[in-house]
Amino acid sequence: MSETVLVINAGSSSIKYQLVDVDTREALASGIVERIGEAVSPLTHRAAGANHRVEAPVPDHTTGLRGVLKLFAKYGPDLDKVGLVGVGHRVVQGADEFTEATLITPEVLARIVALAPLAPLHNPANIQGIEAAQAAFPALPQVAVFDTAFHATLPAEAYTYAIAPDLAREFRIRRYGFHGTSHQYVSRETARAMGRDAADVNIITVHIGSGCSMAAVRGGRSVETSMGLTPLEGLVMGSRCGDLDPAIVFHLVREAGLGIDEIDTLLNKKSGLLGMCGSLDVRDIHRLIGEGDPAARLAFDVFTHRLRHYIGAYCAQLGRVDAIAFTAGIGENDPVSRAGALAGLEVFGVELDPARNTAARGAALISTDASRTQVWVMPTNEEYEIAHQAAELIDALAPAGP
């Protein structure tokens, strides 16, 4: 029987889940519980090619996960018959403490709780998902897979901020990076598509969706990444500003009279593409550009300018770049953004094939045959990566047979 893992990605008011067959990589079922804590919460369950939706009061994550189990019982697959070996949890912040998939014990959970100040928007919700799954599956191993873990290999010169070392140590201020499961999966799968061993290639992975980040991966190890202490740093994103002069915060406090929480909301939820032109959907932005909207035109140009900036910097860091891989919602589906990100990079050996770029669906080579640096579209599969890492750990911890 194949091994399956239930992958849970808990947000502050939602639970996304996927039942993954680790051997076949197939998602046997998936779904989401939304609006947890509101009067009525929609629960959507997808299995056997059909969508099933119910609405019910879901006051907390434990109740939400009980609702998920009812949907599995009613619509399948039967969790008792699919070889379920454990539950894998996406946890955003593992700092420098958790550098690989980790079995969740009371001590580990306490450390994840202690790290919440480094990811106040994410870790508390992840913890609620873990506690709900522990209540629902008390006999199953629970494994945490950390967004930050893949970037634990950053060298000190890449993760260190130029502030007083004592202050940095006391408050754990350094670049951690995020989207690690995506960058790890995409870099490995790109190497495989090239017919190369991941240890032998240098790849720039470009994860652009609602959240955006980039990583320079040398021989299968992350050596540079665009997000920092939090997911706010780096590329322009859907609603996050990305790189910003820190003094702008002081300026907004002094001149605009904004408080810290207001600025936090502004930079994380009301900036980026949304803040510049009123939409974070690139399809809307392309439509607005076609209608002559100057704000949309500028927003898209700022977005692609920042992408080119980071790609160029990572080419310099890696020295030799064998491939650039685009992934996530925009990276996989928008040829205009890919073309904009690569415009003018011929000096780095990048030759985009416009026809291949436009036609790309799924994993696809979109550079010319003569391009010194290959360019790929590579769909990410973070749920599979979490399931894969969780199953590997569970297998390794299992007692040896007689």
Protein backbone atom coordinates (compact mmCIF):
# COMPACT_ATOMS: atom_id res chain seq x y z
CA MET A 1 0.00 0.00 0.00
CA SER A 2 1.22 3.50 -0.81
CA GLU A 3 2.05 5.92 1.98
CA THR A 4 -0.19 8.96 2.29
CA VAL A 5 0.28 12.12 4.32
CA LEU A 6 -2.37 14.67 5.22
CA VAL A 7 -0.80 18.08 4.65
CA ILE A 8 -2.23 20.98 6.64
CA ASN A 9 -1.57 24.66 6.03
CA ALA A 10 -3.42 26.60 8.72
CA GLY A 11 -4.01 30.32 8.43
CA SER A 12 -5.49 32.68 11.00
CA SER A 13 -9.03 32.05 9.72
CA SER A 14 -8.58 29.09 7.38
CA ILE A 15 -7.35 25.52 7.04
CA LYS A 16 -6.07 24.37 3.64
CA TYR A 17 -5.44 20.65 3.37
CA GLN A 18 -4.36 18.02 0.88
CA LEU A 19 -4.14 14.23 1.13
CA VAL A 20 -1.01 13.27 -0.80
CA ASP A 21 0.04 9.85 -2.06
CA VAL A 22 3.79 10.15 -1.59
CA ASP A 23 4.65 7.37 -4.06
CA THR A 24 2.55 8.63 -6.97
CA ARG A 25 2.60 12.35 -6.00
CA GLU A 26 -1.16 12.34 -6.54
CA ALA A 27 -3.45 14.55 -4.49
CA LEU A 28 -6.19 12.12 -3.46
CA ALA A 29 -8.25 14.91 -1.92
CA SER A 30 -7.91 18.57 -1.04
CA GLY A 31 -9.96 21.38 0.36
CA ILE A 32 -10.26 24.45 2.51
CA VAL A 33 -12.15 25.66 5.55
CA GLU A 34 -12.66 29.41 5.30
CA ARG A 35 -13.82 32.22 7.60
CA ILE A 36 -13.13 30.38 10.82
CA GLY A 37 -14.63 32.31 13.71
CA GLU A 38 -17.39 33.94 11.67
CA ALA A 39 -21.08 33.11 11.94
CA VAL A 40 -20.97 30.70 8.99
CA SER A 41 -17.91 29.10 7.44
CA PRO A 42 -17.76 27.44 4.01
CA LEU A 43 -15.99 24.06 3.82
CA THR A 44 -14.98 22.85 0.37
CA HIS A 45 -13.77 19.28 -0.21
CA ARG A 46 -12.44 17.99 -3.54
CA ALA A 47 -12.18 14.23 -4.15
CA ALA A 48 -12.61 11.88 -7.11
CA GLY A 49 -12.99 14.80 -9.48
CA ALA A 50 -15.94 16.35 -7.64
CA ASN A 51 -16.29 19.42 -5.42
CA HIS A 52 -18.42 19.25 -2.29
CA ARG A 53 -19.33 22.38 -0.35
CA VAL A 54 -21.09 22.78 2.97
CA GLU A 55 -21.58 25.71 5.32
CA ALA A 56 -21.54 25.42 9.08
CA PRO A 57 -20.53 27.34 12.19
CA VAL A 58 -16.77 26.84 12.71
CA PRO A 59 -15.70 28.73 15.83
CA ASP A 60 -12.11 27.42 15.90
CA HIS A 61 -9.56 25.27 14.09
CA THR A 62 -10.37 22.12 16.07
CA THR A 63 -14.00 22.35 15.00
CA GLY A 64 -12.87 23.05 11.45
CA LEU A 65 -10.74 19.95 11.29
CA ARG A 66 -13.58 17.86 12.71
CA GLY A 67 -15.67 19.18 9.83
CA VAL A 68 -12.96 18.12 7.38
CA LEU A 69 -12.99 14.59 8.81
CA LYS A 70 -16.76 14.44 8.32
CA LEU A 71 -16.27 15.39 4.67
CA PHE A 72 -13.67 12.64 4.25
CA ALA A 73 -16.08 10.17 5.87
CA LYS A 74 -18.95 11.21 3.60
CA TYR A 75 -17.21 11.82 0.28
CA GLY A 76 -13.94 9.91 0.64
CA PRO A 77 -11.36 8.73 0.41
CA ASP A 78 -11.57 6.61 3.55
CA LEU A 79 -8.64 7.72 5.71
CA ASP A 80 -8.53 4.27 7.33
CA LYS A 81 -7.86 2.62 3.97
CA VAL A 82 -5.36 4.89 2.20
CA GLY A 83 -2.22 4.12 4.18
CA LEU A 84 -2.20 7.37 6.17
CA VAL A 85 1.14 7.49 7.99
CA GLY A 86 1.11 10.98 9.44
CA VAL A 87 0.23 14.65 9.23
CA GLY A 88 2.60 17.21 7.72
CA HIS A 89 2.28 20.85 8.79
CA ARG A 90 3.52 23.92 7.04
CA VAL A 91 5.17 26.14 9.65
CA VAL A 92 6.41 29.48 8.41
CA GLN A 93 9.16 30.38 10.88
CA GLY A 94 11.68 27.90 12.26
CA ALA A 95 14.46 30.47 12.66
CA ASP A 96 17.92 28.91 12.97
CA GLU A 97 16.57 26.23 15.34
CA PHE A 98 14.72 24.04 12.85
CA THR A 99 16.68 23.37 9.68
CA GLU A 100 14.87 20.22 8.55
CA ALA A 101 11.53 18.45 8.90
CA THR A 102 10.94 17.84 12.62
CA LEU A 103 8.71 15.47 14.58
CA ILE A 104 6.39 17.59 16.72
CA THR A 105 6.82 16.85 20.42
CA PRO A 106 5.61 19.02 23.31
CA GLU A 107 9.09 20.55 23.44
CA VAL A 108 9.13 21.29 19.70
CA LEU A 109 5.67 22.84 19.87
CA ALA A 110 6.81 25.05 22.75
CA ARG A 111 9.74 26.27 20.64
CA ILE A 112 7.43 27.03 17.69
CA VAL A 113 5.27 29.05 20.08
CA ALA A 114 8.38 30.90 21.31
CA LEU A 115 9.27 31.81 17.72
CA ALA A 116 5.88 33.44 17.10
CA PRO A 117 7.23 37.01 17.57
CA LEU A 118 9.36 36.45 14.45
CA ALA A 119 6.24 35.52 12.41
CA PRO A 120 3.27 37.03 14.26
CA LEU A 121 1.00 36.77 11.20
CA HIS A 122 1.77 33.09 10.56
CA ASN A 123 3.19 30.97 13.39
CA PRO A 124 0.21 31.42 15.76
CA ALA A 125 -2.12 30.12 13.05
CA ASN A 126 0.23 27.25 12.24
CA ILE A 127 0.20 26.33 15.94
CA GLN A 128 -3.61 26.25 15.97
CA GLY A 129 -3.52 23.85 13.02
CA ILE A 130 -1.04 21.58 14.80
CA GLU A 131 -3.10 21.49 17.98
CA ALA A 132 -6.28 20.76 16.01
CA ALA A 133 -4.57 17.90 14.14
CA GLN A 134 -3.18 16.47 17.36
CA ALA A 135 -6.72 16.37 18.75
CA ALA A 136 -8.07 14.77 15.55
CA PHE A 137 -5.24 12.26 15.04
CA PRO A 138 -3.76 11.53 18.48
CA ALA A 139 -2.08 8.31 17.34
CA LEU A 140 -0.42 9.66 14.18
CA PRO A 141 3.02 11.30 13.97
CA GLN A 142 2.82 15.04 13.35
CA VAL A 143 5.69 16.61 11.40
CA ALA A 144 6.55 20.29 11.01
CA VAL A 145 8.10 21.38 7.72
CA PHE A 146 9.45 24.92 7.93
CA ASP A 147 9.39 27.58 5.22
CA THR A 148 12.75 28.79 6.49
CA ALA A 149 14.55 25.43 6.60
CA PHE A 150 15.84 25.32 3.02
CA HIS A 151 17.55 28.67 3.54
CA ALA A 152 19.47 27.48 6.61
CA THR A 153 22.47 27.01 4.29
CA LEU A 154 22.83 30.74 3.60
CA PRO A 155 26.38 31.88 4.37
CA ALA A 156 26.85 34.44 7.14
CA GLU A 157 27.53 37.25 4.67
CA ALA A 158 24.14 36.62 3.09
CA TYR A 159 22.03 36.33 6.24
CA THR A 160 23.68 39.04 8.36
CA TYR A 161 22.21 42.55 8.55
CA ALA A 162 24.63 45.43 9.13
CA ILE A 163 23.46 46.30 12.64
CA ALA A 164 25.06 45.89 16.06
CA PRO A 165 25.80 42.16 16.56
CA ASP A 166 24.66 42.15 20.20
CA LEU A 167 21.29 43.60 19.20
CA ALA A 168 20.95 41.14 16.33
CA ARG A 169 21.72 38.18 18.60
CA GLU A 170 19.38 39.27 21.39
CA PHE A 171 16.40 39.78 19.10
CA ARG A 172 17.31 37.12 16.51
CA ILE A 173 17.52 39.63 13.67
CA ARG A 174 18.89 38.07 10.48
CA ARG A 175 17.70 36.99 7.05
CA TYR A 176 15.74 33.74 7.31
CA GLY A 177 14.00 33.57 3.94
CA PHE A 178 10.68 31.91 3.17
CA HIS A 179 8.92 29.80 0.49
CA GLY A 180 11.66 27.29 1.20
CA THR A 181 9.62 24.21 0.32
CA SER A 182 8.79 25.74 -3.06
CA HIS A 183 12.38 26.75 -3.84
CA GLN A 184 13.66 23.33 -2.79
CA TYR A 185 11.10 21.45 -4.87
CA VAL A 186 11.44 23.65 -7.96
CA SER A 187 15.25 23.65 -7.97
CA ARG A 188 15.33 19.87 -7.68
CA GLU A 189 12.65 19.33 -10.34
CA THR A 190 14.33 21.76 -12.73
CA ALA A 191 17.61 19.90 -12.42
CA ARG A 192 15.73 16.67 -13.11
CA ALA A 193 14.06 18.17 -16.19
CA MET A 194 17.51 19.20 -17.44
CA GLY A 195 18.76 15.64 -17.00
CA ARG A 196 21.26 16.85 -14.38
CA ASP A 197 21.96 16.08 -10.77
CA ALA A 198 20.87 18.91 -8.48
CA ALA A 199 24.31 18.88 -6.88
CA ASP A 200 25.89 19.80 -10.21
CA VAL A 201 23.79 22.82 -11.26
CA ASN A 202 23.28 26.43 -10.24
CA ILE A 203 19.67 27.60 -10.49
CA ILE A 204 17.80 30.83 -9.78
CA THR A 205 14.27 30.00 -8.64
CA VAL A 206 11.69 32.75 -9.15
CA HIS A 207 8.55 32.20 -7.06
CA ILE A 208 6.05 34.89 -8.04
CA GLY A 209 2.45 34.73 -6.96
CA SER A 210 0.58 36.75 -4.36
CA GLY A 211 3.76 36.45 -2.33
CA CYS A 212 7.03 36.67 -4.26
CA SER A 213 10.56 35.55 -3.50
CA MET A 214 13.70 34.45 -5.29
CA ALA A 215 16.54 32.14 -4.35
CA ALA A 216 20.03 31.47 -5.68
CA VAL A 217 20.60 27.71 -5.40
CA ARG A 218 24.14 26.41 -5.81
CA GLY A 219 24.43 22.64 -6.05
CA GLY A 220 21.07 22.08 -4.38
CA ARG A 221 21.77 24.49 -1.49
CA SER A 222 20.23 27.92 -1.02
CA VAL A 223 22.99 30.55 -0.86
CA GLU A 224 20.90 33.73 -1.25
CA THR A 225 17.22 34.63 -1.02
CA SER A 226 15.16 37.78 -1.28
CA MET A 227 12.88 37.60 1.77
CA GLY A 228 14.48 38.47 5.07
CA LEU A 229 13.61 38.53 8.76
CA THR A 230 9.99 38.49 7.58
CA PRO A 231 8.29 37.83 4.23
CA LEU A 232 8.07 41.60 3.63
CA GLU A 233 11.56 42.14 2.22
CA GLY A 234 12.59 41.69 -1.39
CA LEU A 235 10.45 41.60 -4.52
CA VAL A 236 7.33 43.66 -5.17
CA MET A 237 4.37 41.43 -4.26
CA GLY A 238 0.59 41.43 -4.52
CA SER A 239 0.03 43.56 -1.43
CA ARG A 240 3.53 43.75 0.12
CA CYS A 241 5.96 46.51 -0.75
CA GLY A 242 9.15 44.45 -0.80
CA ASP A 243 12.43 46.39 -0.43
CA LEU A 244 11.92 49.79 1.16
CA ASP A 245 14.17 52.45 2.67
CA PRO A 246 13.73 51.83 6.43
CA ALA A 247 13.63 55.59 7.03
CA ILE A 248 10.26 55.69 5.24
CA VAL A 249 8.80 54.15 8.42
CA PHE A 250 10.23 56.97 10.53
CA HIS A 251 8.96 59.50 8.01
CA LEU A 252 5.42 58.08 8.15
CA VAL A 253 5.47 58.21 11.95
CA ARG A 254 6.75 61.78 12.13
CA GLU A 255 5.04 63.38 9.16
CA ALA A 256 1.87 61.31 8.60
CA GLY A 257 1.22 60.53 12.25
CA LEU A 258 0.79 56.80 11.56
CA GLY A 259 1.20 54.24 14.33
CA ILE A 260 3.29 51.08 14.10
CA ASP A 261 0.27 48.81 13.58
CA GLU A 262 -1.05 51.11 10.84
CA ILE A 263 2.31 51.02 9.06
CA ASP A 264 2.47 47.24 9.45
CA THR A 265 -0.93 46.93 7.76
CA LEU A 266 0.02 49.46 5.08
CA LEU A 267 3.24 47.73 4.05
CA ASN A 268 1.94 44.14 4.28
CA LYS A 269 -1.64 44.48 3.05
CA LYS A 270 -2.06 47.77 1.19
CA SER A 271 1.14 48.12 -0.80
CA GLY A 272 2.79 46.25 -3.69
CA LEU A 273 0.76 45.96 -6.89
CA LEU A 274 -2.47 46.54 -4.98
CA GLY A 275 -1.24 49.75 -3.43
CA MET A 276 0.18 51.11 -6.68
CA CYS A 277 -2.75 50.47 -9.02
CA GLY A 278 -5.67 49.04 -7.06
CA SER A 279 -5.31 45.40 -8.16
CA LEU A 280 -3.02 42.52 -7.26
CA ASP A 281 -4.24 40.31 -10.12
CA VAL A 282 -1.86 40.62 -13.09
CA ARG A 283 -4.71 39.75 -15.46
CA ASP A 284 -6.53 42.89 -14.31
CA ILE A 285 -3.31 44.86 -14.54
CA HIS A 286 -2.71 43.76 -18.15
CA ARG A 287 -6.31 44.76 -18.97
CA LEU A 288 -5.83 48.16 -17.33
CA ILE A 289 -2.58 48.68 -19.23
CA GLY A 290 -4.43 47.88 -22.45
CA GLU A 291 -6.97 50.56 -21.53
CA GLY A 292 -4.18 53.10 -21.09
CA ASP A 293 -4.08 53.21 -17.28
CA PRO A 294 -0.75 54.86 -16.31
CA ALA A 295 -0.84 53.59 -12.71
CA ALA A 296 -1.15 50.00 -13.90
CA ARG A 297 1.66 50.52 -16.41
CA LEU A 298 3.97 51.91 -13.72
CA ALA A 299 3.04 49.19 -11.22
CA PHE A 300 3.90 46.45 -13.71
CA ASP A 301 7.15 48.17 -14.68
CA VAL A 302 8.18 48.48 -11.02
CA PHE A 303 7.31 44.80 -10.51
CA THR A 304 9.43 43.55 -13.42
CA HIS A 305 12.25 46.04 -12.72
CA ARG A 306 12.66 44.52 -9.24
CA LEU A 307 12.63 41.00 -10.72
CA ARG A 308 15.41 41.90 -13.18
CA HIS A 309 17.36 43.57 -10.37
CA TYR A 310 17.38 40.41 -8.29
CA ILE A 311 18.03 38.03 -11.19
CA GLY A 312 21.06 40.12 -12.17
CA ALA A 313 22.33 40.19 -8.59
CA TYR A 314 21.97 36.43 -8.25
CA CYS A 315 23.80 35.86 -11.53
CA ALA A 316 26.68 37.78 -9.98
CA GLN A 317 26.48 35.77 -6.75
CA LEU A 318 26.37 32.39 -8.48
CA GLY A 319 28.93 33.18 -11.18
CA ARG A 320 27.59 30.42 -13.43
CA VAL A 321 23.85 30.09 -13.86
CA ASP A 322 22.64 26.92 -15.53
CA ALA A 323 18.94 27.71 -15.31
CA ILE A 324 16.31 30.20 -14.23
CA ALA A 325 13.02 28.62 -13.15
CA PHE A 326 9.73 30.50 -12.85
CA THR A 327 7.04 29.13 -10.55
CA ALA A 328 3.86 29.93 -8.56
CA GLY A 329 0.71 31.60 -9.87
CA ILE A 330 2.25 34.41 -11.92
CA GLY A 331 5.48 32.61 -12.71
CA GLU A 332 3.67 29.58 -14.12
CA ASN A 333 0.86 31.34 -15.96
CA ASP A 334 1.90 34.80 -17.14
CA PRO A 335 4.28 34.92 -20.12
CA VAL A 336 4.26 38.74 -20.10
CA SER A 337 5.68 38.87 -16.57
CA ARG A 338 8.32 36.27 -17.45
CA ALA A 339 9.37 38.21 -20.53
CA GLY A 340 9.50 41.45 -18.55
CA ALA A 341 11.63 39.85 -15.85
CA LEU A 342 14.20 38.67 -18.42
CA ALA A 343 14.28 41.70 -20.74
CA GLY A 344 17.85 42.92 -21.25
CA LEU A 345 19.50 39.95 -19.54
CA GLU A 346 21.12 38.61 -22.71
CA VAL A 347 24.49 39.61 -21.25
CA PHE A 348 23.99 36.77 -18.75
CA GLY A 349 23.43 34.26 -21.52
CA VAL A 350 19.62 34.39 -21.35
CA GLU A 351 17.80 34.01 -24.67
CA LEU A 352 14.05 33.71 -24.26
CA ASP A 353 12.09 32.00 -27.03
CA PRO A 354 8.90 34.12 -27.39
CA ALA A 355 6.87 31.31 -28.96
CA ARG A 356 7.86 28.78 -26.30
CA ASN A 357 7.19 31.35 -23.57
CA THR A 358 3.70 32.08 -24.87
CA ALA A 359 2.82 28.41 -25.39
CA ALA A 360 4.19 27.11 -22.07
CA ARG A 361 1.78 24.98 -20.05
CA GLY A 362 3.08 23.02 -17.11
CA ALA A 363 6.79 22.21 -16.97
CA ALA A 364 8.36 23.70 -20.10
CA LEU A 365 11.65 24.95 -21.47
CA ILE A 366 11.08 28.53 -22.70
CA SER A 367 14.58 29.59 -23.71
CA THR A 368 16.10 29.07 -27.15
CA ASP A 369 18.20 26.00 -27.85
CA ALA A 370 21.24 28.30 -28.09
CA SER A 371 20.65 29.99 -24.72
CA ARG A 372 23.65 29.52 -22.44
CA THR A 373 21.30 29.78 -19.45
CA GLN A 374 18.20 27.65 -19.76
CA VAL A 375 14.87 29.19 -18.70
CA TRP A 376 12.11 26.96 -17.39
CA VAL A 377 8.54 27.17 -16.24
CA MET A 378 8.34 24.69 -13.39
CA PRO A 379 5.07 24.24 -11.46
CA THR A 380 5.62 24.14 -7.74
CA ASN A 381 4.11 21.53 -5.46
CA GLU A 382 4.66 22.62 -1.89
CA GLU A 383 2.11 20.14 -0.55
CA TYR A 384 3.97 17.22 -2.12
CA GLU A 385 7.28 18.54 -0.78
CA ILE A 386 5.83 18.73 2.73
CA ALA A 387 4.33 15.23 2.40
CA HIS A 388 7.60 13.86 1.00
CA GLN A 389 9.71 15.31 3.81
CA ALA A 390 7.21 14.19 6.45
CA ALA A 391 7.06 10.62 5.11
CA GLU A 392 10.87 10.39 4.90
CA LEU A 393 11.19 11.44 8.53
CA ILE A 394 8.41 9.10 9.69
CA ASP A 395 10.05 6.19 7.84
CA ALA A 396 13.44 7.03 9.34
CA LEU A 397 12.01 7.08 12.87
CA ALA A 398 10.07 3.83 12.48
CA PRO A 399 11.52 0.91 14.46
CA ALA A 400 13.39 -1.63 12.38
CA GLY A 401 11.59 -4.89 11.65
CA PRO A 402 12.61 -8.24 13.19
